[in-house]
Amino acid sequence: KKVDGKKLEPMEQIFIDCEDAFMGV
């Protein structure tokens, strides 16, 4: 989208549940 000359894009909230060993990658 373009609002007031600014380019906007759709955003997502990402919720991740994983083992702590994979947190870094």
PDBML (XML) file of the C-alpha atoms, coordinates in Angstrom:
<?xml version="1.0" encoding="UTF-8" ?>
<PDBx:datablock datablockName="MODEL"
   xmlns:PDBx="http://pdbml.pdb.org/schema/pdbx-v50.xsd"
   xmlns:xsi="http://www.w3.org/2001/XMLSchema-instance"
   xsi:schemaLocation="http://pdbml.pdb.org/schema/pdbx-v50.xsd pdbx-v50.xsd">
   <PDBx:atom_siteCategory>
      <PDBx:atom_site id="1">
         <PDBx:B_iso_or_equiv>0.00</PDBx:B_iso_or_equiv>
         <PDBx:Cartn_x>0.000</PDBx:Cartn_x>
         <PDBx:Cartn_y>0.000</PDBx:Cartn_y>
         <PDBx:Cartn_z>0.000</PDBx:Cartn_z>
         <PDBx:auth_asym_id>A</PDBx:auth_asym_id>
         <PDBx:auth_atom_id>CA</PDBx:auth_atom_id>
         <PDBx:auth_comp_id>LYS</PDBx:auth_comp_id>
         <PDBx:auth_seq_id>1</PDBx:auth_seq_id>
         <PDBx:group_PDB>ATOM</PDBx:group_PDB>
         <PDBx:label_alt_id xsi:nil="true" />
         <PDBx:label_asym_id>A</PDBx:label_asym_id>
         <PDBx:label_atom_id>CA</PDBx:label_atom_id>
         <PDBx:label_comp_id>LYS</PDBx:label_comp_id>
         <PDBx:label_entity_id>1</PDBx:label_entity_id>
         <PDBx:label_seq_id>1</PDBx:label_seq_id>
         <PDBx:occupancy>1.00</PDBx:occupancy>
         <PDBx:pdbx_PDB_model_num>1</PDBx:pdbx_PDB_model_num>
         <PDBx:type_symbol>C</PDBx:type_symbol>
      </PDBx:atom_site>
      <PDBx:atom_site id="2">
         <PDBx:B_iso_or_equiv>0.00</PDBx:B_iso_or_equiv>
         <PDBx:Cartn_x>1.087</PDBx:Cartn_x>
         <PDBx:Cartn_y>3.613</PDBx:Cartn_y>
         <PDBx:Cartn_z>-0.402</PDBx:Cartn_z>
         <PDBx:auth_asym_id>A</PDBx:auth_asym_id>
         <PDBx:auth_atom_id>CA</PDBx:auth_atom_id>
         <PDBx:auth_comp_id>LYS</PDBx:auth_comp_id>
         <PDBx:auth_seq_id>2</PDBx:auth_seq_id>
         <PDBx:group_PDB>ATOM</PDBx:group_PDB>
         <PDBx:label_alt_id xsi:nil="true" />
         <PDBx:label_asym_id>A</PDBx:label_asym_id>
         <PDBx:label_atom_id>CA</PDBx:label_atom_id>
         <PDBx:label_comp_id>LYS</PDBx:label_comp_id>
         <PDBx:label_entity_id>1</PDBx:label_entity_id>
         <PDBx:label_seq_id>2</PDBx:label_seq_id>
         <PDBx:occupancy>1.00</PDBx:occupancy>
         <PDBx:pdbx_PDB_model_num>1</PDBx:pdbx_PDB_model_num>
         <PDBx:type_symbol>C</PDBx:type_symbol>
      </PDBx:atom_site>
      <PDBx:atom_site id="3">
         <PDBx:B_iso_or_equiv>0.00</PDBx:B_iso_or_equiv>
         <PDBx:Cartn_x>-0.053</PDBx:Cartn_x>
         <PDBx:Cartn_y>6.057</PDBx:Cartn_y>
         <PDBx:Cartn_z>2.295</PDBx:Cartn_z>
         <PDBx:auth_asym_id>A</PDBx:auth_asym_id>
         <PDBx:auth_atom_id>CA</PDBx:auth_atom_id>
         <PDBx:auth_comp_id>VAL</PDBx:auth_comp_id>
         <PDBx:auth_seq_id>3</PDBx:auth_seq_id>
         <PDBx:group_PDB>ATOM</PDBx:group_PDB>
         <PDBx:label_alt_id xsi:nil="true" />
         <PDBx:label_asym_id>A</PDBx:label_asym_id>
         <PDBx:label_atom_id>CA</PDBx:label_atom_id>
         <PDBx:label_comp_id>VAL</PDBx:label_comp_id>
         <PDBx:label_entity_id>1</PDBx:label_entity_id>
         <PDBx:label_seq_id>3</PDBx:label_seq_id>
         <PDBx:occupancy>1.00</PDBx:occupancy>
         <PDBx:pdbx_PDB_model_num>1</PDBx:pdbx_PDB_model_num>
         <PDBx:type_symbol>C</PDBx:type_symbol>
      </PDBx:atom_site>
      <PDBx:atom_site id="4">
         <PDBx:B_iso_or_equiv>0.00</PDBx:B_iso_or_equiv>
         <PDBx:Cartn_x>1.202</PDBx:Cartn_x>
         <PDBx:Cartn_y>9.664</PDBx:Cartn_y>
         <PDBx:Cartn_z>2.325</PDBx:Cartn_z>
         <PDBx:auth_asym_id>A</PDBx:auth_asym_id>
         <PDBx:auth_atom_id>CA</PDBx:auth_atom_id>
         <PDBx:auth_comp_id>ASP</PDBx:auth_comp_id>
         <PDBx:auth_seq_id>4</PDBx:auth_seq_id>
         <PDBx:group_PDB>ATOM</PDBx:group_PDB>
         <PDBx:label_alt_id xsi:nil="true" />
         <PDBx:label_asym_id>A</PDBx:label_asym_id>
         <PDBx:label_atom_id>CA</PDBx:label_atom_id>
         <PDBx:label_comp_id>ASP</PDBx:label_comp_id>
         <PDBx:label_entity_id>1</PDBx:label_entity_id>
         <PDBx:label_seq_id>4</PDBx:label_seq_id>
         <PDBx:occupancy>1.00</PDBx:occupancy>
         <PDBx:pdbx_PDB_model_num>1</PDBx:pdbx_PDB_model_num>
         <PDBx:type_symbol>C</PDBx:type_symbol>
      </PDBx:atom_site>
      <PDBx:atom_site id="5">
         <PDBx:B_iso_or_equiv>0.00</PDBx:B_iso_or_equiv>
         <PDBx:Cartn_x>4.002</PDBx:Cartn_x>
         <PDBx:Cartn_y>8.697</PDBx:Cartn_y>
         <PDBx:Cartn_z>-0.053</PDBx:Cartn_z>
         <PDBx:auth_asym_id>A</PDBx:auth_asym_id>
         <PDBx:auth_atom_id>CA</PDBx:auth_atom_id>
         <PDBx:auth_comp_id>GLY</PDBx:auth_comp_id>
         <PDBx:auth_seq_id>5</PDBx:auth_seq_id>
         <PDBx:group_PDB>ATOM</PDBx:group_PDB>
         <PDBx:label_alt_id xsi:nil="true" />
         <PDBx:label_asym_id>A</PDBx:label_asym_id>
         <PDBx:label_atom_id>CA</PDBx:label_atom_id>
         <PDBx:label_comp_id>GLY</PDBx:label_comp_id>
         <PDBx:label_entity_id>1</PDBx:label_entity_id>
         <PDBx:label_seq_id>5</PDBx:label_seq_id>
         <PDBx:occupancy>1.00</PDBx:occupancy>
         <PDBx:pdbx_PDB_model_num>1</PDBx:pdbx_PDB_model_num>
         <PDBx:type_symbol>C</PDBx:type_symbol>
      </PDBx:atom_site>
      <PDBx:atom_site id="6">
         <PDBx:B_iso_or_equiv>0.00</PDBx:B_iso_or_equiv>
         <PDBx:Cartn_x>5.190</PDBx:Cartn_x>
         <PDBx:Cartn_y>5.893</PDBx:Cartn_y>
         <PDBx:Cartn_z>2.257</PDBx:Cartn_z>
         <PDBx:auth_asym_id>A</PDBx:auth_asym_id>
         <PDBx:auth_atom_id>CA</PDBx:auth_atom_id>
         <PDBx:auth_comp_id>LYS</PDBx:auth_comp_id>
         <PDBx:auth_seq_id>6</PDBx:auth_seq_id>
         <PDBx:group_PDB>ATOM</PDBx:group_PDB>
         <PDBx:label_alt_id xsi:nil="true" />
         <PDBx:label_asym_id>A</PDBx:label_asym_id>
         <PDBx:label_atom_id>CA</PDBx:label_atom_id>
         <PDBx:label_comp_id>LYS</PDBx:label_comp_id>
         <PDBx:label_entity_id>1</PDBx:label_entity_id>
         <PDBx:label_seq_id>6</PDBx:label_seq_id>
         <PDBx:occupancy>1.00</PDBx:occupancy>
         <PDBx:pdbx_PDB_model_num>1</PDBx:pdbx_PDB_model_num>
         <PDBx:type_symbol>C</PDBx:type_symbol>
      </PDBx:atom_site>
      <PDBx:atom_site id="7">
         <PDBx:B_iso_or_equiv>0.00</PDBx:B_iso_or_equiv>
         <PDBx:Cartn_x>5.372</PDBx:Cartn_x>
         <PDBx:Cartn_y>2.277</PDBx:Cartn_y>
         <PDBx:Cartn_z>1.105</PDBx:Cartn_z>
         <PDBx:auth_asym_id>A</PDBx:auth_asym_id>
         <PDBx:auth_atom_id>CA</PDBx:auth_atom_id>
         <PDBx:auth_comp_id>LYS</PDBx:auth_comp_id>
         <PDBx:auth_seq_id>7</PDBx:auth_seq_id>
         <PDBx:group_PDB>ATOM</PDBx:group_PDB>
         <PDBx:label_alt_id xsi:nil="true" />
         <PDBx:label_asym_id>A</PDBx:label_asym_id>
         <PDBx:label_atom_id>CA</PDBx:label_atom_id>
         <PDBx:label_comp_id>LYS</PDBx:label_comp_id>
         <PDBx:label_entity_id>1</PDBx:label_entity_id>
         <PDBx:label_seq_id>7</PDBx:label_seq_id>
         <PDBx:occupancy>1.00</PDBx:occupancy>
         <PDBx:pdbx_PDB_model_num>1</PDBx:pdbx_PDB_model_num>
         <PDBx:type_symbol>C</PDBx:type_symbol>
      </PDBx:atom_site>
      <PDBx:atom_site id="8">
         <PDBx:B_iso_or_equiv>0.00</PDBx:B_iso_or_equiv>
         <PDBx:Cartn_x>3.557</PDBx:Cartn_x>
         <PDBx:Cartn_y>-0.006</PDBx:Cartn_y>
         <PDBx:Cartn_z>3.561</PDBx:Cartn_z>
         <PDBx:auth_asym_id>A</PDBx:auth_asym_id>
         <PDBx:auth_atom_id>CA</PDBx:auth_atom_id>
         <PDBx:auth_comp_id>LEU</PDBx:auth_comp_id>
         <PDBx:auth_seq_id>8</PDBx:auth_seq_id>
         <PDBx:group_PDB>ATOM</PDBx:group_PDB>
         <PDBx:label_alt_id xsi:nil="true" />
         <PDBx:label_asym_id>A</PDBx:label_asym_id>
         <PDBx:label_atom_id>CA</PDBx:label_atom_id>
         <PDBx:label_comp_id>LEU</PDBx:label_comp_id>
         <PDBx:label_entity_id>1</PDBx:label_entity_id>
         <PDBx:label_seq_id>8</PDBx:label_seq_id>
         <PDBx:occupancy>1.00</PDBx:occupancy>
         <PDBx:pdbx_PDB_model_num>1</PDBx:pdbx_PDB_model_num>
         <PDBx:type_symbol>C</PDBx:type_symbol>
      </PDBx:atom_site>
      <PDBx:atom_site id="9">
         <PDBx:B_iso_or_equiv>0.00</PDBx:B_iso_or_equiv>
         <PDBx:Cartn_x>3.570</PDBx:Cartn_x>
         <PDBx:Cartn_y>-3.809</PDBx:Cartn_y>
         <PDBx:Cartn_z>3.634</PDBx:Cartn_z>
         <PDBx:auth_asym_id>A</PDBx:auth_asym_id>
         <PDBx:auth_atom_id>CA</PDBx:auth_atom_id>
         <PDBx:auth_comp_id>GLU</PDBx:auth_comp_id>
         <PDBx:auth_seq_id>9</PDBx:auth_seq_id>
         <PDBx:group_PDB>ATOM</PDBx:group_PDB>
         <PDBx:label_alt_id xsi:nil="true" />
         <PDBx:label_asym_id>A</PDBx:label_asym_id>
         <PDBx:label_atom_id>CA</PDBx:label_atom_id>
         <PDBx:label_comp_id>GLU</PDBx:label_comp_id>
         <PDBx:label_entity_id>1</PDBx:label_entity_id>
         <PDBx:label_seq_id>9</PDBx:label_seq_id>
         <PDBx:occupancy>1.00</PDBx:occupancy>
         <PDBx:pdbx_PDB_model_num>1</PDBx:pdbx_PDB_model_num>
         <PDBx:type_symbol>C</PDBx:type_symbol>
      </PDBx:atom_site>
      <PDBx:atom_site id="10">
         <PDBx:B_iso_or_equiv>0.00</PDBx:B_iso_or_equiv>
         <PDBx:Cartn_x>1.480</PDBx:Cartn_x>
         <PDBx:Cartn_y>-6.425</PDBx:Cartn_y>
         <PDBx:Cartn_z>5.496</PDBx:Cartn_z>
         <PDBx:auth_asym_id>A</PDBx:auth_asym_id>
         <PDBx:auth_atom_id>CA</PDBx:auth_atom_id>
         <PDBx:auth_comp_id>PRO</PDBx:auth_comp_id>
         <PDBx:auth_seq_id>10</PDBx:auth_seq_id>
         <PDBx:group_PDB>ATOM</PDBx:group_PDB>
         <PDBx:label_alt_id xsi:nil="true" />
         <PDBx:label_asym_id>A</PDBx:label_asym_id>
         <PDBx:label_atom_id>CA</PDBx:label_atom_id>
         <PDBx:label_comp_id>PRO</PDBx:label_comp_id>
         <PDBx:label_entity_id>1</PDBx:label_entity_id>
         <PDBx:label_seq_id>10</PDBx:label_seq_id>
         <PDBx:occupancy>1.00</PDBx:occupancy>
         <PDBx:pdbx_PDB_model_num>1</PDBx:pdbx_PDB_model_num>
         <PDBx:type_symbol>C</PDBx:type_symbol>
      </PDBx:atom_site>
      <PDBx:atom_site id="11">
         <PDBx:B_iso_or_equiv>0.00</PDBx:B_iso_or_equiv>
         <PDBx:Cartn_x>3.016</PDBx:Cartn_x>
         <PDBx:Cartn_y>-7.590</PDBx:Cartn_y>
         <PDBx:Cartn_z>8.773</PDBx:Cartn_z>
         <PDBx:auth_asym_id>A</PDBx:auth_asym_id>
         <PDBx:auth_atom_id>CA</PDBx:auth_atom_id>
         <PDBx:auth_comp_id>MET</PDBx:auth_comp_id>
         <PDBx:auth_seq_id>11</PDBx:auth_seq_id>
         <PDBx:group_PDB>ATOM</PDBx:group_PDB>
         <PDBx:label_alt_id xsi:nil="true" />
         <PDBx:label_asym_id>A</PDBx:label_asym_id>
         <PDBx:label_atom_id>CA</PDBx:label_atom_id>
         <PDBx:label_comp_id>MET</PDBx:label_comp_id>
         <PDBx:label_entity_id>1</PDBx:label_entity_id>
         <PDBx:label_seq_id>11</PDBx:label_seq_id>
         <PDBx:occupancy>1.00</PDBx:occupancy>
         <PDBx:pdbx_PDB_model_num>1</PDBx:pdbx_PDB_model_num>
         <PDBx:type_symbol>C</PDBx:type_symbol>
      </PDBx:atom_site>
      <PDBx:atom_site id="12">
         <PDBx:B_iso_or_equiv>0.00</PDBx:B_iso_or_equiv>
         <PDBx:Cartn_x>2.628</PDBx:Cartn_x>
         <PDBx:Cartn_y>-10.798</PDBx:Cartn_y>
         <PDBx:Cartn_z>10.754</PDBx:Cartn_z>
         <PDBx:auth_asym_id>A</PDBx:auth_asym_id>
         <PDBx:auth_atom_id>CA</PDBx:auth_atom_id>
         <PDBx:auth_comp_id>GLU</PDBx:auth_comp_id>
         <PDBx:auth_seq_id>12</PDBx:auth_seq_id>
         <PDBx:group_PDB>ATOM</PDBx:group_PDB>
         <PDBx:label_alt_id xsi:nil="true" />
         <PDBx:label_asym_id>A</PDBx:label_asym_id>
         <PDBx:label_atom_id>CA</PDBx:label_atom_id>
         <PDBx:label_comp_id>GLU</PDBx:label_comp_id>
         <PDBx:label_entity_id>1</PDBx:label_entity_id>
         <PDBx:label_seq_id>12</PDBx:label_seq_id>
         <PDBx:occupancy>1.00</PDBx:occupancy>
         <PDBx:pdbx_PDB_model_num>1</PDBx:pdbx_PDB_model_num>
         <PDBx:type_symbol>C</PDBx:type_symbol>
      </PDBx:atom_site>
      <PDBx:atom_site id="13">
         <PDBx:B_iso_or_equiv>0.00</PDBx:B_iso_or_equiv>
         <PDBx:Cartn_x>3.026</PDBx:Cartn_x>
         <PDBx:Cartn_y>-11.706</PDBx:Cartn_y>
         <PDBx:Cartn_z>14.386</PDBx:Cartn_z>
         <PDBx:auth_asym_id>A</PDBx:auth_asym_id>
         <PDBx:auth_atom_id>CA</PDBx:auth_atom_id>
         <PDBx:auth_comp_id>GLN</PDBx:auth_comp_id>
         <PDBx:auth_seq_id>13</PDBx:auth_seq_id>
         <PDBx:group_PDB>ATOM</PDBx:group_PDB>
         <PDBx:label_alt_id xsi:nil="true" />
         <PDBx:label_asym_id>A</PDBx:label_asym_id>
         <PDBx:label_atom_id>CA</PDBx:label_atom_id>
         <PDBx:label_comp_id>GLN</PDBx:label_comp_id>
         <PDBx:label_entity_id>1</PDBx:label_entity_id>
         <PDBx:label_seq_id>13</PDBx:label_seq_id>
         <PDBx:occupancy>1.00</PDBx:occupancy>
         <PDBx:pdbx_PDB_model_num>1</PDBx:pdbx_PDB_model_num>
         <PDBx:type_symbol>C</PDBx:type_symbol>
      </PDBx:atom_site>
      <PDBx:atom_site id="14">
         <PDBx:B_iso_or_equiv>0.00</PDBx:B_iso_or_equiv>
         <PDBx:Cartn_x>4.991</PDBx:Cartn_x>
         <PDBx:Cartn_y>-14.969</PDBx:Cartn_y>
         <PDBx:Cartn_z>14.512</PDBx:Cartn_z>
         <PDBx:auth_asym_id>A</PDBx:auth_asym_id>
         <PDBx:auth_atom_id>CA</PDBx:auth_atom_id>
         <PDBx:auth_comp_id>ILE</PDBx:auth_comp_id>
         <PDBx:auth_seq_id>14</PDBx:auth_seq_id>
         <PDBx:group_PDB>ATOM</PDBx:group_PDB>
         <PDBx:label_alt_id xsi:nil="true" />
         <PDBx:label_asym_id>A</PDBx:label_asym_id>
         <PDBx:label_atom_id>CA</PDBx:label_atom_id>
         <PDBx:label_comp_id>ILE</PDBx:label_comp_id>
         <PDBx:label_entity_id>1</PDBx:label_entity_id>
         <PDBx:label_seq_id>14</PDBx:label_seq_id>
         <PDBx:occupancy>1.00</PDBx:occupancy>
         <PDBx:pdbx_PDB_model_num>1</PDBx:pdbx_PDB_model_num>
         <PDBx:type_symbol>C</PDBx:type_symbol>
      </PDBx:atom_site>
      <PDBx:atom_site id="15">
         <PDBx:B_iso_or_equiv>0.00</PDBx:B_iso_or_equiv>
         <PDBx:Cartn_x>4.654</PDBx:Cartn_x>
         <PDBx:Cartn_y>-17.222</PDBx:Cartn_y>
         <PDBx:Cartn_z>17.567</PDBx:Cartn_z>
         <PDBx:auth_asym_id>A</PDBx:auth_asym_id>
         <PDBx:auth_atom_id>CA</PDBx:auth_atom_id>
         <PDBx:auth_comp_id>PHE</PDBx:auth_comp_id>
         <PDBx:auth_seq_id>15</PDBx:auth_seq_id>
         <PDBx:group_PDB>ATOM</PDBx:group_PDB>
         <PDBx:label_alt_id xsi:nil="true" />
         <PDBx:label_asym_id>A</PDBx:label_asym_id>
         <PDBx:label_atom_id>CA</PDBx:label_atom_id>
         <PDBx:label_comp_id>PHE</PDBx:label_comp_id>
         <PDBx:label_entity_id>1</PDBx:label_entity_id>
         <PDBx:label_seq_id>15</PDBx:label_seq_id>
         <PDBx:occupancy>1.00</PDBx:occupancy>
         <PDBx:pdbx_PDB_model_num>1</PDBx:pdbx_PDB_model_num>
         <PDBx:type_symbol>C</PDBx:type_symbol>
      </PDBx:atom_site>
      <PDBx:atom_site id="16">
         <PDBx:B_iso_or_equiv>0.00</PDBx:B_iso_or_equiv>
         <PDBx:Cartn_x>7.287</PDBx:Cartn_x>
         <PDBx:Cartn_y>-19.979</PDBx:Cartn_y>
         <PDBx:Cartn_z>17.825</PDBx:Cartn_z>
         <PDBx:auth_asym_id>A</PDBx:auth_asym_id>
         <PDBx:auth_atom_id>CA</PDBx:auth_atom_id>
         <PDBx:auth_comp_id>ILE</PDBx:auth_comp_id>
         <PDBx:auth_seq_id>16</PDBx:auth_seq_id>
         <PDBx:group_PDB>ATOM</PDBx:group_PDB>
         <PDBx:label_alt_id xsi:nil="true" />
         <PDBx:label_asym_id>A</PDBx:label_asym_id>
         <PDBx:label_atom_id>CA</PDBx:label_atom_id>
         <PDBx:label_comp_id>ILE</PDBx:label_comp_id>
         <PDBx:label_entity_id>1</PDBx:label_entity_id>
         <PDBx:label_seq_id>16</PDBx:label_seq_id>
         <PDBx:occupancy>1.00</PDBx:occupancy>
         <PDBx:pdbx_PDB_model_num>1</PDBx:pdbx_PDB_model_num>
         <PDBx:type_symbol>C</PDBx:type_symbol>
      </PDBx:atom_site>
      <PDBx:atom_site id="17">
         <PDBx:B_iso_or_equiv>0.00</PDBx:B_iso_or_equiv>
         <PDBx:Cartn_x>7.511</PDBx:Cartn_x>
         <PDBx:Cartn_y>-22.858</PDBx:Cartn_y>
         <PDBx:Cartn_z>20.306</PDBx:Cartn_z>
         <PDBx:auth_asym_id>A</PDBx:auth_asym_id>
         <PDBx:auth_atom_id>CA</PDBx:auth_atom_id>
         <PDBx:auth_comp_id>ASP</PDBx:auth_comp_id>
         <PDBx:auth_seq_id>17</PDBx:auth_seq_id>
         <PDBx:group_PDB>ATOM</PDBx:group_PDB>
         <PDBx:label_alt_id xsi:nil="true" />
         <PDBx:label_asym_id>A</PDBx:label_asym_id>
         <PDBx:label_atom_id>CA</PDBx:label_atom_id>
         <PDBx:label_comp_id>ASP</PDBx:label_comp_id>
         <PDBx:label_entity_id>1</PDBx:label_entity_id>
         <PDBx:label_seq_id>17</PDBx:label_seq_id>
         <PDBx:occupancy>1.00</PDBx:occupancy>
         <PDBx:pdbx_PDB_model_num>1</PDBx:pdbx_PDB_model_num>
         <PDBx:type_symbol>C</PDBx:type_symbol>
      </PDBx:atom_site>
      <PDBx:atom_site id="18">
         <PDBx:B_iso_or_equiv>0.00</PDBx:B_iso_or_equiv>
         <PDBx:Cartn_x>10.706</PDBx:Cartn_x>
         <PDBx:Cartn_y>-24.911</PDBx:Cartn_y>
         <PDBx:Cartn_z>19.932</PDBx:Cartn_z>
         <PDBx:auth_asym_id>A</PDBx:auth_asym_id>
         <PDBx:auth_atom_id>CA</PDBx:auth_atom_id>
         <PDBx:auth_comp_id>CYS</PDBx:auth_comp_id>
         <PDBx:auth_seq_id>18</PDBx:auth_seq_id>
         <PDBx:group_PDB>ATOM</PDBx:group_PDB>
         <PDBx:label_alt_id xsi:nil="true" />
         <PDBx:label_asym_id>A</PDBx:label_asym_id>
         <PDBx:label_atom_id>CA</PDBx:label_atom_id>
         <PDBx:label_comp_id>CYS</PDBx:label_comp_id>
         <PDBx:label_entity_id>1</PDBx:label_entity_id>
         <PDBx:label_seq_id>18</PDBx:label_seq_id>
         <PDBx:occupancy>1.00</PDBx:occupancy>
         <PDBx:pdbx_PDB_model_num>1</PDBx:pdbx_PDB_model_num>
         <PDBx:type_symbol>C</PDBx:type_symbol>
      </PDBx:atom_site>
      <PDBx:atom_site id="19">
         <PDBx:B_iso_or_equiv>0.00</PDBx:B_iso_or_equiv>
         <PDBx:Cartn_x>13.474</PDBx:Cartn_x>
         <PDBx:Cartn_y>-26.626</PDBx:Cartn_y>
         <PDBx:Cartn_z>21.871</PDBx:Cartn_z>
         <PDBx:auth_asym_id>A</PDBx:auth_asym_id>
         <PDBx:auth_atom_id>CA</PDBx:auth_atom_id>
         <PDBx:auth_comp_id>GLU</PDBx:auth_comp_id>
         <PDBx:auth_seq_id>19</PDBx:auth_seq_id>
         <PDBx:group_PDB>ATOM</PDBx:group_PDB>
         <PDBx:label_alt_id xsi:nil="true" />
         <PDBx:label_asym_id>A</PDBx:label_asym_id>
         <PDBx:label_atom_id>CA</PDBx:label_atom_id>
         <PDBx:label_comp_id>GLU</PDBx:label_comp_id>
         <PDBx:label_entity_id>1</PDBx:label_entity_id>
         <PDBx:label_seq_id>19</PDBx:label_seq_id>
         <PDBx:occupancy>1.00</PDBx:occupancy>
         <PDBx:pdbx_PDB_model_num>1</PDBx:pdbx_PDB_model_num>
         <PDBx:type_symbol>C</PDBx:type_symbol>
      </PDBx:atom_site>
      <PDBx:atom_site id="20">
         <PDBx:B_iso_or_equiv>0.00</PDBx:B_iso_or_equiv>
         <PDBx:Cartn_x>15.980</PDBx:Cartn_x>
         <PDBx:Cartn_y>-24.163</PDBx:Cartn_y>
         <PDBx:Cartn_z>23.328</PDBx:Cartn_z>
         <PDBx:auth_asym_id>A</PDBx:auth_asym_id>
         <PDBx:auth_atom_id>CA</PDBx:auth_atom_id>
         <PDBx:auth_comp_id>ASP</PDBx:auth_comp_id>
         <PDBx:auth_seq_id>20</PDBx:auth_seq_id>
         <PDBx:group_PDB>ATOM</PDBx:group_PDB>
         <PDBx:label_alt_id xsi:nil="true" />
         <PDBx:label_asym_id>A</PDBx:label_asym_id>
         <PDBx:label_atom_id>CA</PDBx:label_atom_id>
         <PDBx:label_comp_id>ASP</PDBx:label_comp_id>
         <PDBx:label_entity_id>1</PDBx:label_entity_id>
         <PDBx:label_seq_id>20</PDBx:label_seq_id>
         <PDBx:occupancy>1.00</PDBx:occupancy>
         <PDBx:pdbx_PDB_model_num>1</PDBx:pdbx_PDB_model_num>
         <PDBx:type_symbol>C</PDBx:type_symbol>
      </PDBx:atom_site>
      <PDBx:atom_site id="21">
         <PDBx:B_iso_or_equiv>0.00</PDBx:B_iso_or_equiv>
         <PDBx:Cartn_x>18.786</PDBx:Cartn_x>
         <PDBx:Cartn_y>-25.782</PDBx:Cartn_y>
         <PDBx:Cartn_z>21.298</PDBx:Cartn_z>
         <PDBx:auth_asym_id>A</PDBx:auth_asym_id>
         <PDBx:auth_atom_id>CA</PDBx:auth_atom_id>
         <PDBx:auth_comp_id>ALA</PDBx:auth_comp_id>
         <PDBx:auth_seq_id>21</PDBx:auth_seq_id>
         <PDBx:group_PDB>ATOM</PDBx:group_PDB>
         <PDBx:label_alt_id xsi:nil="true" />
         <PDBx:label_asym_id>A</PDBx:label_asym_id>
         <PDBx:label_atom_id>CA</PDBx:label_atom_id>
         <PDBx:label_comp_id>ALA</PDBx:label_comp_id>
         <PDBx:label_entity_id>1</PDBx:label_entity_id>
         <PDBx:label_seq_id>21</PDBx:label_seq_id>
         <PDBx:occupancy>1.00</PDBx:occupancy>
         <PDBx:pdbx_PDB_model_num>1</PDBx:pdbx_PDB_model_num>
         <PDBx:type_symbol>C</PDBx:type_symbol>
      </PDBx:atom_site>
      <PDBx:atom_site id="22">
         <PDBx:B_iso_or_equiv>0.00</PDBx:B_iso_or_equiv>
         <PDBx:Cartn_x>17.190</PDBx:Cartn_x>
         <PDBx:Cartn_y>-24.418</PDBx:Cartn_y>
         <PDBx:Cartn_z>18.109</PDBx:Cartn_z>
         <PDBx:auth_asym_id>A</PDBx:auth_asym_id>
         <PDBx:auth_atom_id>CA</PDBx:auth_atom_id>
         <PDBx:auth_comp_id>PHE</PDBx:auth_comp_id>
         <PDBx:auth_seq_id>22</PDBx:auth_seq_id>
         <PDBx:group_PDB>ATOM</PDBx:group_PDB>
         <PDBx:label_alt_id xsi:nil="true" />
         <PDBx:label_asym_id>A</PDBx:label_asym_id>
         <PDBx:label_atom_id>CA</PDBx:label_atom_id>
         <PDBx:label_comp_id>PHE</PDBx:label_comp_id>
         <PDBx:label_entity_id>1</PDBx:label_entity_id>
         <PDBx:label_seq_id>22</PDBx:label_seq_id>
         <PDBx:occupancy>1.00</PDBx:occupancy>
         <PDBx:pdbx_PDB_model_num>1</PDBx:pdbx_PDB_model_num>
         <PDBx:type_symbol>C</PDBx:type_symbol>
      </PDBx:atom_site>
      <PDBx:atom_site id="23">
         <PDBx:B_iso_or_equiv>0.00</PDBx:B_iso_or_equiv>
         <PDBx:Cartn_x>16.617</PDBx:Cartn_x>
         <PDBx:Cartn_y>-20.878</PDBx:Cartn_y>
         <PDBx:Cartn_z>19.418</PDBx:Cartn_z>
         <PDBx:auth_asym_id>A</PDBx:auth_asym_id>
         <PDBx:auth_atom_id>CA</PDBx:auth_atom_id>
         <PDBx:auth_comp_id>MET</PDBx:auth_comp_id>
         <PDBx:auth_seq_id>23</PDBx:auth_seq_id>
         <PDBx:group_PDB>ATOM</PDBx:group_PDB>
         <PDBx:label_alt_id xsi:nil="true" />
         <PDBx:label_asym_id>A</PDBx:label_asym_id>
         <PDBx:label_atom_id>CA</PDBx:label_atom_id>
         <PDBx:label_comp_id>MET</PDBx:label_comp_id>
         <PDBx:label_entity_id>1</PDBx:label_entity_id>
         <PDBx:label_seq_id>23</PDBx:label_seq_id>
         <PDBx:occupancy>1.00</PDBx:occupancy>
         <PDBx:pdbx_PDB_model_num>1</PDBx:pdbx_PDB_model_num>
         <PDBx:type_symbol>C</PDBx:type_symbol>
      </PDBx:atom_site>
      <PDBx:atom_site id="24">
         <PDBx:B_iso_or_equiv>0.00</PDBx:B_iso_or_equiv>
         <PDBx:Cartn_x>19.831</PDBx:Cartn_x>
         <PDBx:Cartn_y>-19.576</PDBx:Cartn_y>
         <PDBx:Cartn_z>17.807</PDBx:Cartn_z>
         <PDBx:auth_asym_id>A</PDBx:auth_asym_id>
         <PDBx:auth_atom_id>CA</PDBx:auth_atom_id>
         <PDBx:auth_comp_id>GLY</PDBx:auth_comp_id>
         <PDBx:auth_seq_id>24</PDBx:auth_seq_id>
         <PDBx:group_PDB>ATOM</PDBx:group_PDB>
         <PDBx:label_alt_id xsi:nil="true" />
         <PDBx:label_asym_id>A</PDBx:label_asym_id>
         <PDBx:label_atom_id>CA</PDBx:label_atom_id>
         <PDBx:label_comp_id>GLY</PDBx:label_comp_id>
         <PDBx:label_entity_id>1</PDBx:label_entity_id>
         <PDBx:label_seq_id>24</PDBx:label_seq_id>
         <PDBx:occupancy>1.00</PDBx:occupancy>
         <PDBx:pdbx_PDB_model_num>1</PDBx:pdbx_PDB_model_num>
         <PDBx:type_symbol>C</PDBx:type_symbol>
      </PDBx:atom_site>
      <PDBx:atom_site id="25">
         <PDBx:B_iso_or_equiv>0.00</PDBx:B_iso_or_equiv>
         <PDBx:Cartn_x>19.202</PDBx:Cartn_x>
         <PDBx:Cartn_y>-20.848</PDBx:Cartn_y>
         <PDBx:Cartn_z>14.280</PDBx:Cartn_z>
         <PDBx:auth_asym_id>A</PDBx:auth_asym_id>
         <PDBx:auth_atom_id>CA</PDBx:auth_atom_id>
         <PDBx:auth_comp_id>VAL</PDBx:auth_comp_id>
         <PDBx:auth_seq_id>25</PDBx:auth_seq_id>
         <PDBx:group_PDB>ATOM</PDBx:group_PDB>
         <PDBx:label_alt_id xsi:nil="true" />
         <PDBx:label_asym_id>A</PDBx:label_asym_id>
         <PDBx:label_atom_id>CA</PDBx:label_atom_id>
         <PDBx:label_comp_id>VAL</PDBx:label_comp_id>
         <PDBx:label_entity_id>1</PDBx:label_entity_id>
         <PDBx:label_seq_id>25</PDBx:label_seq_id>
         <PDBx:occupancy>1.00</PDBx:occupancy>
         <PDBx:pdbx_PDB_model_num>1</PDBx:pdbx_PDB_model_num>
         <PDBx:type_symbol>C</PDBx:type_symbol>
      </PDBx:atom_site>
   </PDBx:atom_siteCategory>
</PDBx:datablock>
